N, C-alpha and C. Protein backbone atom coordinates (compact mmCIF):
# COMPACT_ATOMS: atom_id res chain seq x y z
N MET A 1 83.79 182.40 115.38
CA MET A 1 84.09 181.66 116.60
C MET A 1 82.80 181.04 117.11
N PRO A 2 82.81 179.79 117.56
CA PRO A 2 81.61 179.16 118.10
C PRO A 2 81.16 179.84 119.38
N ARG A 3 79.88 179.75 119.64
CA ARG A 3 79.33 180.34 120.87
C ARG A 3 78.54 179.27 121.62
N ALA A 4 78.48 179.41 122.94
CA ALA A 4 77.66 178.51 123.75
C ALA A 4 76.21 178.70 123.36
N SER A 5 75.47 177.60 123.19
CA SER A 5 74.11 177.69 122.70
C SER A 5 73.07 177.66 123.81
N HIS A 6 73.46 177.42 125.03
CA HIS A 6 72.51 177.29 126.13
C HIS A 6 73.09 178.01 127.33
N SER A 7 72.23 178.75 128.07
CA SER A 7 72.73 179.54 129.19
C SER A 7 73.44 178.70 130.25
N LEU A 8 73.06 177.43 130.41
CA LEU A 8 73.73 176.58 131.39
C LEU A 8 75.14 176.21 130.97
N LEU A 9 75.47 176.42 129.70
CA LEU A 9 76.79 176.08 129.19
C LEU A 9 77.75 177.26 129.23
N LYS A 10 77.34 178.39 129.80
CA LYS A 10 78.21 179.57 129.74
C LYS A 10 79.50 179.40 130.52
N ASN A 11 79.60 178.43 131.40
CA ASN A 11 80.83 178.21 132.13
C ASN A 11 81.68 177.12 131.50
N MET A 12 81.32 176.66 130.33
CA MET A 12 82.09 175.63 129.63
C MET A 12 82.95 176.30 128.56
N PRO A 13 84.23 175.95 128.51
CA PRO A 13 85.08 176.52 127.47
C PRO A 13 84.61 176.09 126.09
N ILE A 14 84.78 176.97 125.11
CA ILE A 14 84.39 176.66 123.75
C ILE A 14 85.48 175.81 123.08
N ARG A 15 86.73 176.13 123.39
CA ARG A 15 87.84 175.43 122.75
C ARG A 15 88.97 175.30 123.74
N ILE A 16 89.59 174.15 123.77
CA ILE A 16 90.76 173.94 124.62
C ILE A 16 91.86 173.34 123.75
N ARG A 17 93.06 173.90 123.86
CA ARG A 17 94.22 173.36 123.15
C ARG A 17 95.36 173.34 124.14
N ALA A 18 96.09 172.22 124.22
CA ALA A 18 97.14 172.10 125.22
C ALA A 18 98.31 171.30 124.70
N ALA A 19 99.49 171.56 125.27
CA ALA A 19 100.70 170.78 125.01
C ALA A 19 101.39 170.59 126.35
N ASN A 20 101.88 169.39 126.61
CA ASN A 20 102.48 169.08 127.90
C ASN A 20 103.91 168.58 127.75
N SER A 21 104.69 168.83 128.78
CA SER A 21 106.00 168.21 128.95
C SER A 21 106.03 167.76 130.41
N PRO A 22 107.09 167.07 130.85
CA PRO A 22 107.10 166.61 132.23
C PRO A 22 106.98 167.72 133.28
N ARG A 23 107.41 168.94 132.97
CA ARG A 23 107.41 170.01 133.98
C ARG A 23 106.55 171.22 133.63
N VAL A 24 106.08 171.31 132.39
CA VAL A 24 105.36 172.51 131.94
C VAL A 24 104.13 172.09 131.14
N MET A 25 103.03 172.82 131.35
CA MET A 25 101.83 172.64 130.55
C MET A 25 101.51 173.98 129.92
N PHE A 26 101.28 173.99 128.63
CA PHE A 26 100.91 175.20 127.92
C PHE A 26 99.60 174.94 127.21
N GLY A 27 98.70 175.90 127.25
CA GLY A 27 97.44 175.72 126.55
C GLY A 27 96.69 177.01 126.40
N ASP A 28 95.65 176.98 125.60
CA ASP A 28 94.76 178.13 125.51
C ASP A 28 93.32 177.64 125.58
N VAL A 29 92.49 178.51 126.11
CA VAL A 29 91.07 178.20 126.30
C VAL A 29 90.28 179.41 125.85
N VAL A 30 89.18 179.18 125.17
CA VAL A 30 88.28 180.26 124.75
C VAL A 30 86.95 180.07 125.47
N TYR A 31 86.51 181.09 126.20
CA TYR A 31 85.22 181.06 126.89
C TYR A 31 84.25 181.99 126.18
N ALA A 32 82.98 181.64 126.21
CA ALA A 32 81.94 182.49 125.64
C ALA A 32 81.84 183.78 126.46
N PRO A 33 81.41 184.88 125.83
CA PRO A 33 81.20 186.11 126.59
C PRO A 33 80.25 185.84 127.77
N GLY A 34 80.61 186.32 128.95
CA GLY A 34 79.81 186.10 130.15
C GLY A 34 80.08 184.77 130.82
N GLY A 35 81.02 183.99 130.31
CA GLY A 35 81.34 182.68 130.87
C GLY A 35 82.04 182.77 132.21
N THR A 36 82.10 181.65 132.90
CA THR A 36 82.76 181.58 134.19
C THR A 36 83.64 180.34 134.26
N CYS A 37 84.58 180.36 135.18
CA CYS A 37 85.43 179.21 135.47
C CYS A 37 85.64 179.19 136.98
N GLY A 38 85.20 178.14 137.62
CA GLY A 38 85.35 178.04 139.07
C GLY A 38 84.00 177.96 139.74
N PRO A 39 84.03 178.04 141.05
CA PRO A 39 85.21 178.21 141.89
C PRO A 39 86.09 176.98 141.85
N ARG A 40 87.38 177.21 142.02
CA ARG A 40 88.36 176.13 142.01
C ARG A 40 89.52 176.51 142.92
N VAL A 41 90.27 175.52 143.34
CA VAL A 41 91.50 175.76 144.09
C VAL A 41 92.66 175.51 143.13
N GLN A 42 93.47 176.53 142.94
CA GLN A 42 94.60 176.44 142.01
C GLN A 42 95.58 175.37 142.52
N GLN A 43 95.96 174.46 141.64
CA GLN A 43 96.83 173.36 142.02
C GLN A 43 98.31 173.65 141.80
N GLU A 44 98.62 174.52 140.84
CA GLU A 44 100.01 174.81 140.47
C GLU A 44 100.14 176.30 140.18
N TYR A 45 101.32 176.73 139.81
CA TYR A 45 101.50 178.10 139.35
C TYR A 45 100.87 178.21 137.96
N GLN A 46 100.17 179.32 137.72
CA GLN A 46 99.54 179.51 136.41
C GLN A 46 99.70 180.95 135.98
N LEU A 47 100.16 181.13 134.74
CA LEU A 47 100.18 182.45 134.11
C LEU A 47 98.98 182.51 133.19
N VAL A 48 98.14 183.53 133.35
CA VAL A 48 96.99 183.73 132.48
C VAL A 48 97.29 184.95 131.63
N VAL A 49 97.35 184.75 130.32
CA VAL A 49 97.57 185.84 129.37
C VAL A 49 96.25 186.09 128.68
N LEU A 50 95.71 187.28 128.83
CA LEU A 50 94.42 187.60 128.22
C LEU A 50 94.66 188.19 126.83
N VAL A 51 94.08 187.56 125.82
CA VAL A 51 94.27 188.00 124.44
C VAL A 51 93.19 189.00 124.03
N GLU A 52 91.94 188.72 124.38
CA GLU A 52 90.85 189.65 124.05
C GLU A 52 89.76 189.54 125.09
N GLY A 53 88.89 190.54 125.14
CA GLY A 53 87.83 190.56 126.14
C GLY A 53 88.35 191.08 127.46
N GLY A 54 87.75 190.65 128.53
CA GLY A 54 88.16 191.04 129.88
C GLY A 54 87.77 189.95 130.85
N VAL A 55 88.48 189.88 131.97
CA VAL A 55 88.15 188.88 132.97
C VAL A 55 88.39 189.48 134.35
N THR A 56 87.52 189.12 135.27
CA THR A 56 87.70 189.45 136.68
C THR A 56 87.92 188.14 137.41
N ALA A 57 89.03 188.07 138.15
CA ALA A 57 89.33 186.88 138.93
C ALA A 57 89.18 187.24 140.40
N ASP A 58 88.31 186.52 141.08
CA ASP A 58 88.17 186.67 142.53
C ASP A 58 89.08 185.63 143.15
N VAL A 59 90.12 186.09 143.83
CA VAL A 59 91.08 185.20 144.48
C VAL A 59 90.95 185.41 145.98
N GLU A 60 90.26 184.47 146.63
CA GLU A 60 90.02 184.53 148.07
C GLU A 60 89.49 185.89 148.52
N GLY A 61 88.49 186.40 147.77
CA GLY A 61 87.84 187.64 148.14
C GLY A 61 88.47 188.91 147.58
N GLN A 62 89.60 188.81 146.93
CA GLN A 62 90.23 189.98 146.31
C GLN A 62 90.05 189.89 144.80
N GLU A 63 89.50 190.96 144.20
CA GLU A 63 89.28 190.97 142.76
C GLU A 63 90.51 191.46 142.03
N ARG A 64 90.82 190.74 140.95
CA ARG A 64 91.89 191.13 140.03
C ARG A 64 91.28 191.19 138.65
N ARG A 65 91.52 192.30 137.94
CA ARG A 65 90.97 192.46 136.60
C ARG A 65 92.10 192.40 135.59
N LEU A 66 91.87 191.68 134.51
CA LEU A 66 92.83 191.61 133.42
C LEU A 66 92.18 192.12 132.15
N GLN A 67 92.92 192.90 131.40
CA GLN A 67 92.50 193.41 130.10
C GLN A 67 93.41 192.80 129.04
N PRO A 68 93.04 192.88 127.77
CA PRO A 68 93.87 192.31 126.71
C PRO A 68 95.32 192.78 126.80
N GLY A 69 96.23 191.83 126.67
CA GLY A 69 97.66 192.13 126.73
C GLY A 69 98.26 192.04 128.12
N GLU A 70 97.42 191.83 129.13
CA GLU A 70 97.92 191.72 130.50
C GLU A 70 98.08 190.26 130.89
N VAL A 71 98.95 190.04 131.89
CA VAL A 71 99.25 188.70 132.38
C VAL A 71 99.01 188.66 133.89
N GLY A 72 98.34 187.61 134.35
CA GLY A 72 98.13 187.42 135.79
C GLY A 72 98.86 186.16 136.24
N LEU A 73 99.48 186.23 137.42
CA LEU A 73 100.12 185.07 138.03
C LEU A 73 99.21 184.56 139.14
N PHE A 74 98.83 183.29 139.05
CA PHE A 74 97.95 182.68 140.03
C PHE A 74 98.73 181.58 140.75
N LEU A 75 98.68 181.63 142.08
CA LEU A 75 99.53 180.79 142.93
C LEU A 75 98.78 179.57 143.46
N PRO A 76 99.51 178.48 143.72
CA PRO A 76 98.87 177.26 144.22
C PRO A 76 98.21 177.45 145.58
N GLY A 77 97.12 176.69 145.79
CA GLY A 77 96.46 176.65 147.09
C GLY A 77 95.44 177.74 147.32
N ARG A 78 95.18 178.58 146.34
CA ARG A 78 94.22 179.68 146.52
C ARG A 78 92.92 179.38 145.77
N ARG A 79 91.82 179.77 146.39
CA ARG A 79 90.50 179.58 145.78
C ARG A 79 90.25 180.71 144.79
N GLU A 80 89.84 180.35 143.56
CA GLU A 80 89.65 181.32 142.48
C GLU A 80 88.30 181.15 141.81
N MET A 81 87.79 182.26 141.31
CA MET A 81 86.58 182.26 140.48
C MET A 81 86.80 183.29 139.38
N PHE A 82 86.74 182.84 138.12
CA PHE A 82 86.94 183.73 136.97
C PHE A 82 85.60 184.05 136.35
N THR A 83 85.35 185.33 136.04
CA THR A 83 84.15 185.76 135.35
C THR A 83 84.58 186.57 134.14
N PHE A 84 84.22 186.10 132.96
CA PHE A 84 84.63 186.74 131.71
C PHE A 84 83.61 187.79 131.29
N SER A 85 84.11 188.86 130.70
CA SER A 85 83.27 189.97 130.27
C SER A 85 82.16 189.49 129.34
N ALA A 86 80.99 190.10 129.47
CA ALA A 86 79.88 189.78 128.59
C ALA A 86 80.08 190.36 127.20
N ASP A 87 80.97 191.32 127.07
CA ASP A 87 81.28 191.91 125.77
C ASP A 87 82.31 191.04 125.05
N PRO A 88 82.01 190.65 123.81
CA PRO A 88 82.96 189.79 123.08
C PRO A 88 84.29 190.47 122.80
């Protein structure tokens, strides 16, 4: 699997794959260990399925942790910050 080569790139996804229809978007994203996503305001409903590693999502000051095989539901209008585990 490719890895981010520069510390400033740790919040950039390594791979993005998506498929869209008029009402549903499906995709997967791979982040480098220790990567981040956000802060952002969620625009729509989002299900996050964690396949491997770990992630902590700070949603308006409340931390939610996901482990492999778990699913998180993220609701529109909330401020989020995702921090991915440093362990691959």
